[in-house]
C-alpha cells in the first residue's frame, strides 16, 4: 500500500508542476512606441550643456580674455566659438582653452577680431 501512496503523491506533484507550467504568462511582445528623446551628449557621456558650461568657465578665468565677448555652443561634443575679441592672441587663447576642455571633440572658431 505504501508504494501506491508514494506513486499517487508523485503523480500529484507531477500534475501540479505541469499545471503550473501551463499558467505561465505569455512573453511580452515588442511594442511600437516612440523612442525616448535623447539627452544631448558628447564624448564620454558628458552632456553638451556641461561641456558648454565648462568651456565658458575656463574662458572667464583667463586673464587674456578679460573683456572678450565669446559665445560657446556645443553639439555632440563639437564646440563652436563665436563673438568678438580685440586681437588674434585672444582668439587663439579661446580656441586653446576650448580644445583642452573635457569631452570636446572639435572646436570651430568663428570669432571675429575687431579693433
N, C-alpha and C. Protein backbone atom coordinates (compact mmCIF):
# COMPACT_ATOMS: atom_id res chain seq x y z
N UNK A 1 0.81 -1.19 0.00
CA UNK A 1 0.00 0.00 0.00
C UNK A 1 0.85 1.25 0.00
N UNK A 2 2.00 1.19 0.65
CA UNK A 2 2.88 2.34 0.69
C UNK A 2 3.34 2.72 -0.71
N UNK A 3 3.58 1.78 -1.53
CA UNK A 3 4.07 2.07 -2.88
C UNK A 3 3.00 2.83 -3.66
N UNK A 4 1.76 2.47 -3.53
CA UNK A 4 0.71 3.15 -4.27
C UNK A 4 0.52 4.58 -3.75
N UNK A 5 0.69 4.80 -2.44
CA UNK A 5 0.57 6.15 -1.89
C UNK A 5 1.72 7.04 -2.40
N UNK A 6 2.92 6.49 -2.46
CA UNK A 6 4.07 7.25 -2.96
C UNK A 6 3.88 7.54 -4.44
N UNK A 7 3.42 6.56 -5.18
CA UNK A 7 3.18 6.75 -6.60
C UNK A 7 2.10 7.81 -6.81
N UNK A 8 1.05 7.73 -6.02
CA UNK A 8 -0.03 8.70 -6.12
C UNK A 8 0.46 10.11 -5.78
N UNK A 9 1.30 10.22 -4.76
CA UNK A 9 1.88 11.51 -4.37
C UNK A 9 2.77 12.05 -5.49
N UNK A 10 3.59 11.19 -6.08
CA UNK A 10 4.46 11.60 -7.17
C UNK A 10 3.64 12.08 -8.37
N UNK A 11 2.56 11.37 -8.68
CA UNK A 11 1.70 11.78 -9.79
C UNK A 11 1.03 13.13 -9.49
N UNK A 12 0.63 13.33 -8.24
CA UNK A 12 0.01 14.59 -7.87
C UNK A 12 0.99 15.75 -8.00
N UNK A 13 2.22 15.53 -7.59
CA UNK A 13 3.26 16.57 -7.71
C UNK A 13 3.54 16.86 -9.18
N UNK A 14 3.65 15.81 -9.98
CA UNK A 14 3.91 15.99 -11.42
C UNK A 14 2.77 16.75 -12.07
N UNK A 15 1.54 16.45 -11.69
CA UNK A 15 0.38 17.14 -12.24
C UNK A 15 0.39 18.62 -11.83
N UNK A 16 0.76 18.89 -10.58
CA UNK A 16 0.81 20.27 -10.10
C UNK A 16 1.87 21.07 -10.84
N UNK A 17 3.02 20.46 -11.07
CA UNK A 17 4.10 21.13 -11.80
C UNK A 17 3.67 21.39 -13.23
N UNK A 18 3.03 20.40 -13.85
CA UNK A 18 2.58 20.57 -15.23
C UNK A 18 1.52 21.66 -15.32
N UNK A 19 0.62 21.70 -14.36
CA UNK A 19 -0.42 22.72 -14.36
C UNK A 19 0.17 24.10 -14.14
N UNK A 20 1.18 24.19 -13.29
CA UNK A 20 1.83 25.49 -13.05
C UNK A 20 2.53 25.96 -14.31
N UNK A 21 3.11 25.04 -15.05
CA UNK A 21 3.78 25.41 -16.31
C UNK A 21 2.80 25.94 -17.33
N UNK A 22 1.56 25.50 -17.29
CA UNK A 22 0.55 25.96 -18.24
C UNK A 22 0.06 27.36 -17.90
N UNK A 23 0.26 27.79 -16.68
CA UNK A 23 -0.22 29.09 -16.26
C UNK A 23 0.79 30.21 -16.48
N UNK A 24 1.84 29.93 -17.21
CA UNK A 24 2.84 30.97 -17.45
C UNK A 24 2.23 32.09 -18.27
N UNK A 25 2.64 33.30 -17.99
CA UNK A 25 2.20 34.45 -18.77
C UNK A 25 2.92 34.45 -20.10
N UNK A 26 2.26 34.91 -21.13
CA UNK A 26 2.95 34.95 -22.43
C UNK A 26 4.10 35.95 -22.38
N UNK A 27 5.10 35.66 -23.18
CA UNK A 27 6.26 36.54 -23.25
C UNK A 27 5.82 37.88 -23.80
N UNK A 28 6.38 38.97 -23.28
CA UNK A 28 5.98 40.28 -23.79
C UNK A 28 6.37 40.42 -25.25
N UNK A 29 5.51 41.06 -26.00
CA UNK A 29 5.79 41.28 -27.41
C UNK A 29 6.31 42.70 -27.59
N UNK A 30 7.00 42.90 -28.68
CA UNK A 30 7.55 44.23 -28.96
C UNK A 30 6.41 45.20 -29.22
N UNK A 31 6.53 46.38 -28.67
CA UNK A 31 5.52 47.41 -28.90
C UNK A 31 6.11 48.48 -29.79
N UNK A 32 5.25 49.18 -30.43
CA UNK A 32 5.72 50.25 -31.31
C UNK A 32 5.46 51.58 -30.65
N UNK A 33 6.33 51.94 -29.72
CA UNK A 33 6.22 53.23 -29.07
C UNK A 33 7.35 54.11 -29.57
N UNK A 34 7.14 55.37 -29.49
CA UNK A 34 8.17 56.32 -29.92
C UNK A 34 9.37 56.22 -28.97
N UNK A 35 10.58 56.29 -29.50
CA UNK A 35 11.75 56.23 -28.63
C UNK A 35 11.82 57.45 -27.74
N UNK A 36 12.40 57.27 -26.58
CA UNK A 36 12.56 58.38 -25.65
C UNK A 36 13.50 59.41 -26.25
N UNK A 37 13.25 60.67 -26.02
CA UNK A 37 14.15 61.69 -26.57
C UNK A 37 15.53 61.55 -25.96
N UNK A 38 16.53 61.73 -26.81
CA UNK A 38 17.91 61.60 -26.34
C UNK A 38 18.36 62.89 -25.69
N UNK A 39 19.09 62.73 -24.61
CA UNK A 39 19.70 63.89 -23.98
C UNK A 39 20.91 64.29 -24.81
N UNK A 40 21.18 65.57 -24.95
CA UNK A 40 22.35 65.97 -25.70
C UNK A 40 23.61 65.49 -25.01
N UNK A 41 24.36 64.68 -25.70
CA UNK A 41 25.55 64.14 -25.08
C UNK A 41 26.75 64.35 -25.97
N UNK A 42 27.89 64.30 -25.36
CA UNK A 42 29.14 64.41 -26.07
C UNK A 42 29.96 63.17 -25.77
N UNK A 43 31.19 63.20 -26.15
CA UNK A 43 32.09 62.08 -25.93
C UNK A 43 32.15 61.75 -24.45
N UNK A 44 32.14 60.48 -24.11
CA UNK A 44 32.25 60.07 -22.72
C UNK A 44 30.99 60.29 -21.92
N UNK A 45 29.85 60.39 -22.60
CA UNK A 45 28.56 60.56 -21.94
C UNK A 45 28.46 61.83 -21.10
N UNK A 46 29.14 62.87 -21.49
CA UNK A 46 29.03 64.16 -20.82
C UNK A 46 28.08 65.01 -21.66
N UNK A 47 27.08 65.57 -21.02
CA UNK A 47 26.08 66.36 -21.74
C UNK A 47 26.72 67.59 -22.38
N UNK A 48 26.21 67.94 -23.55
CA UNK A 48 26.71 69.12 -24.25
C UNK A 48 26.60 70.37 -23.40
N UNK A 49 25.53 70.46 -22.63
CA UNK A 49 25.34 71.61 -21.76
C UNK A 49 26.48 71.71 -20.74
N UNK A 50 26.95 70.56 -20.25
CA UNK A 50 28.06 70.55 -19.31
C UNK A 50 29.36 70.95 -19.99
N UNK A 51 29.56 70.52 -21.22
CA UNK A 51 30.76 70.91 -21.97
C UNK A 51 30.75 72.42 -22.18
N UNK A 52 29.61 72.96 -22.59
CA UNK A 52 29.49 74.41 -22.81
C UNK A 52 29.81 75.17 -21.53
N UNK A 53 29.25 74.71 -20.43
CA UNK A 53 29.49 75.38 -19.15
C UNK A 53 30.96 75.31 -18.76
N UNK A 54 31.58 74.17 -18.98
CA UNK A 54 33.00 74.01 -18.63
C UNK A 54 33.87 74.95 -19.46
N UNK A 55 33.60 75.04 -20.76
CA UNK A 55 34.37 75.93 -21.63
C UNK A 55 34.14 77.39 -21.22
N UNK A 56 32.89 77.75 -20.97
CA UNK A 56 32.58 79.13 -20.54
C UNK A 56 33.33 79.51 -19.27
N UNK A 57 33.33 78.61 -18.30
CA UNK A 57 34.02 78.89 -17.03
C UNK A 57 35.53 79.05 -17.27
N UNK A 58 36.11 78.20 -18.11
CA UNK A 58 37.54 78.29 -18.38
C UNK A 58 37.87 79.60 -19.11
N UNK A 59 37.01 80.03 -20.03
CA UNK A 59 37.24 81.29 -20.74
C UNK A 59 37.17 82.47 -19.79
N UNK A 60 36.22 82.42 -18.85
CA UNK A 60 36.08 83.52 -17.89
C UNK A 60 37.26 83.63 -16.95
N UNK A 61 37.98 82.53 -16.72
CA UNK A 61 39.11 82.54 -15.80
C UNK A 61 40.41 83.01 -16.46
N UNK A 62 40.41 83.17 -17.77
CA UNK A 62 41.61 83.59 -18.48
C UNK A 62 41.79 85.11 -18.38
N UNK A 63 42.96 85.52 -17.90
CA UNK A 63 43.27 86.95 -17.82
C UNK A 63 43.34 87.58 -19.21
N UNK A 64 43.84 86.85 -20.20
CA UNK A 64 43.99 87.36 -21.55
C UNK A 64 42.63 87.66 -22.20
N UNK A 65 41.60 86.95 -21.76
CA UNK A 65 40.29 87.10 -22.39
C UNK A 65 39.35 88.05 -21.65
N UNK A 66 39.87 88.82 -20.69
CA UNK A 66 39.04 89.79 -19.99
C UNK A 66 38.49 90.79 -21.01
N UNK A 67 37.19 91.00 -20.98
CA UNK A 67 36.55 91.94 -21.91
C UNK A 67 36.16 91.33 -23.24
N UNK A 68 36.58 90.11 -23.52
CA UNK A 68 36.20 89.46 -24.78
C UNK A 68 34.73 89.04 -24.70
N UNK A 69 34.06 89.08 -25.82
CA UNK A 69 32.65 88.66 -25.89
C UNK A 69 32.59 87.38 -26.72
N UNK A 70 32.67 86.26 -26.05
CA UNK A 70 32.71 84.97 -26.73
C UNK A 70 31.51 84.14 -26.31
N UNK A 71 30.81 83.61 -27.30
CA UNK A 71 29.67 82.73 -27.07
C UNK A 71 30.09 81.31 -27.41
N UNK A 72 29.68 80.37 -26.56
CA UNK A 72 30.05 78.97 -26.74
C UNK A 72 28.78 78.16 -26.98
N UNK A 73 28.81 77.34 -28.01
CA UNK A 73 27.71 76.41 -28.29
C UNK A 73 28.31 75.02 -28.52
N UNK A 74 27.63 74.00 -28.06
CA UNK A 74 28.15 72.64 -28.20
C UNK A 74 27.07 71.72 -28.75
N UNK A 75 27.44 70.93 -29.75
CA UNK A 75 26.57 69.92 -30.32
C UNK A 75 27.36 68.64 -30.49
N UNK A 76 26.97 67.60 -29.75
CA UNK A 76 27.62 66.29 -29.81
C UNK A 76 29.14 66.40 -29.64
N UNK A 77 29.57 67.25 -28.74
CA UNK A 77 30.98 67.39 -28.44
C UNK A 77 31.73 68.37 -29.32
N UNK A 78 31.08 68.87 -30.36
CA UNK A 78 31.70 69.88 -31.23
C UNK A 78 31.38 71.26 -30.66
N UNK A 79 32.43 72.00 -30.31
CA UNK A 79 32.27 73.31 -29.70
C UNK A 79 32.42 74.38 -30.78
N UNK A 80 31.48 75.33 -30.79
CA UNK A 80 31.52 76.45 -31.73
C UNK A 80 31.72 77.72 -30.93
N UNK A 81 32.82 78.43 -31.21
CA UNK A 81 33.13 79.69 -30.55
C UNK A 81 32.77 80.82 -31.51
N UNK A 82 31.98 81.78 -31.03
CA UNK A 82 31.64 82.94 -31.85
C UNK A 82 31.69 84.17 -30.95
N UNK A 83 31.69 85.32 -31.57
CA UNK A 83 31.75 86.56 -30.81
C UNK A 83 32.88 87.42 -31.31
N UNK A 84 33.34 88.33 -30.43
CA UNK A 84 34.38 89.27 -30.83
C UNK A 84 35.48 89.35 -29.78
N UNK A 85 36.70 89.56 -30.29
CA UNK A 85 37.88 89.81 -29.46
C UNK A 85 38.65 90.94 -30.10
N UNK A 86 39.67 91.45 -29.40
CA UNK A 86 40.42 92.59 -29.95
C UNK A 86 41.77 92.20 -30.53
N UNK A 87 42.15 90.92 -30.45
CA UNK A 87 43.44 90.52 -31.01
C UNK A 87 43.42 89.05 -31.41
N UNK A 88 44.35 88.69 -32.29
CA UNK A 88 44.49 87.30 -32.70
C UNK A 88 44.92 86.44 -31.51
N UNK A 89 45.70 87.02 -30.61
CA UNK A 89 46.14 86.28 -29.42
C UNK A 89 44.94 85.85 -28.57
N UNK A 90 43.95 86.74 -28.46
CA UNK A 90 42.76 86.38 -27.70
C UNK A 90 41.99 85.26 -28.39
N UNK A 91 41.84 85.33 -29.70
CA UNK A 91 41.14 84.29 -30.43
C UNK A 91 41.86 82.95 -30.28
N UNK A 92 43.20 82.99 -30.40
CA UNK A 92 43.98 81.76 -30.26
C UNK A 92 43.86 81.18 -28.85
N UNK A 93 43.84 82.04 -27.85
CA UNK A 93 43.71 81.59 -26.47
C UNK A 93 42.34 80.93 -26.24
N UNK A 94 41.30 81.50 -26.80
CA UNK A 94 39.96 80.92 -26.66
C UNK A 94 39.89 79.53 -27.28
N UNK A 95 40.47 79.37 -28.45
CA UNK A 95 40.49 78.06 -29.11
C UNK A 95 41.31 77.07 -28.30
N UNK A 96 42.45 77.51 -27.79
CA UNK A 96 43.31 76.64 -26.98
C UNK A 96 42.57 76.14 -25.74
N UNK A 97 41.90 77.05 -25.06
CA UNK A 97 41.15 76.69 -23.85
C UNK A 97 40.04 75.69 -24.19
N UNK A 98 39.32 75.95 -25.27
CA UNK A 98 38.22 75.05 -25.65
C UNK A 98 38.75 73.66 -25.97
N UNK A 99 39.86 73.59 -26.67
CA UNK A 99 40.43 72.27 -27.03
C UNK A 99 40.86 71.48 -25.81
N UNK A 100 41.29 72.15 -24.76
CA UNK A 100 41.75 71.48 -23.55
C UNK A 100 40.60 71.06 -22.63
N UNK A 101 39.40 71.51 -22.91
CA UNK A 101 38.26 71.20 -22.04
C UNK A 101 37.82 69.75 -22.22
N UNK A 102 37.25 69.19 -21.16
CA UNK A 102 36.83 67.79 -21.15
C UNK A 102 35.73 67.53 -22.17
N UNK A 103 35.82 66.40 -22.84
CA UNK A 103 34.81 65.87 -23.77
C UNK A 103 34.61 66.71 -25.03
N UNK A 104 35.56 67.57 -25.36
CA UNK A 104 35.45 68.35 -26.59
C UNK A 104 36.00 67.52 -27.74
N UNK A 105 35.15 67.34 -28.76
CA UNK A 105 35.54 66.54 -29.92
C UNK A 105 36.24 67.40 -30.97
N UNK A 106 35.70 68.57 -31.23
CA UNK A 106 36.27 69.50 -32.21
C UNK A 106 35.92 70.93 -31.81
N UNK A 107 36.72 71.88 -32.28
CA UNK A 107 36.48 73.29 -31.99
C UNK A 107 36.35 74.04 -33.31
N UNK A 108 35.26 74.78 -33.48
CA UNK A 108 35.04 75.59 -34.67
C UNK A 108 35.16 77.06 -34.25
N UNK A 109 36.13 77.74 -34.85
CA UNK A 109 36.43 79.12 -34.48
C UNK A 109 35.71 80.08 -35.43
N UNK A 110 34.71 80.78 -34.91
CA UNK A 110 34.01 81.80 -35.67
C UNK A 110 34.13 83.16 -34.99
N UNK A 111 35.23 83.35 -34.28
CA UNK A 111 35.46 84.57 -33.53
C UNK A 111 35.98 85.66 -34.47
N UNK A 112 35.38 86.83 -34.38
CA UNK A 112 35.80 87.97 -35.20
C UNK A 112 36.74 88.85 -34.38
N UNK A 113 37.76 89.37 -35.04
CA UNK A 113 38.70 90.28 -34.38
C UNK A 113 38.33 91.70 -34.80
N UNK A 114 37.96 92.51 -33.78
CA UNK A 114 37.58 93.90 -34.04
C UNK A 114 38.50 94.80 -33.24
N UNK A 115 38.77 95.97 -33.77
CA UNK A 115 39.69 96.87 -33.07
C UNK A 115 39.06 98.15 -32.69
